[in-house]
Amino acid sequence: MAPFEWSDLPIFLAIAREGTLGAAGRRVGQSQPTMGRRLKALEAAIGAALFQRTADGFVLTDEGQTLLAHAERMETESLALLRALSGSDAALAGELRVSCSDWFARVLLAPVLAELAELHPAVVVETLTDPRIYSLARREADLVVRMVPFSEAEVLARRLVTISYGLYGRPEDCIEPIGDGAGHALVVMDTAFGGMPDVGWITRRLPGARIASRSNSREVQAQLCALGAGLAVLPRPLGDAAPGIQRIELDEDPPSRTQWLGYHRDLRRLPRLRALADLLIARIPTLAY
């Protein structure tokens, strides 16, 4: 086997995980043609095809499966080294990547980041708000706030805040009793999130209402609600502050949801991470009510 570029292994891993050159390129910040060229170079150096090209995407060959096992171990060790080096950095400077939902970022996270910028102007925070779950082990994010509890042994996690939810509509929707929802439209989560507690609650509480629109974005749901597309269940920190809508009082409230904060244990002594985590823990419960 000829020598190959070690830097091609992350390219290989991205293709193996995403299944297409385009998706893998977006994951690592490379163009699709570049991904293809680097994969061909790696296969040429190894002397074997690593993927079968199918109509549904790239499928690992036996040689590809063998390389995958070794490449993932190498990735784990290199990331552990990076985390260890980062965790020993005593300066309150540098970058952090934070993942959370869109509404949480705008309503609750942004005020905390503004305060952090005043306290520690050399810390640069990148906020990721798309719905995919970012890996703390692979350093895709340094700190994650999410509704799903963390189960990974290497993640330090704690309950950050419990968010209350409410049913919202335009002021004219609140004049008459809602009843079973007959004559009303609903704005709900998209089908991928159809199992969320608020979707079950609103369809049970308002069985006579029809679903008019779906979105995986609470921000979009709030805007649709304000424009008259339908009633929506929203986190109260978002709904109470949104223009053009108000909370509808019912005999029961939608289920509340807990937001969890987590980061990799190797970064627990990283000063800029501790500064942000401590500020979130101190400020978010107050901002959420």
Foldseek 3Di string as FASTA:
>chain_A
DADADPVLLLLLLLCAVPQALCRSCVVVVHHSVVSVVSQVRVCVRVVHRQWDQDPRGTHGDPVVVVVNVVSVVVLLVVLLVVLLVLQVDPDLADEFEEEDADLCCVQPVVVLVVVLCVVRVRYHYHYHHDPDDDDQSNPSGFKYKYQDDDDDPQKDKDWQAKFFKFKKAFPVVQPDDCQLVAPFEEEEADPVVCPDQQNVVNCVSNVNYYYQYHHNHLVVRLVCRQVRSGMYMHGCSRNVPRPRMDGHDDPDGGDITIMMMIGGPSNPNNVNVVVSVVSSSVGRHVSND
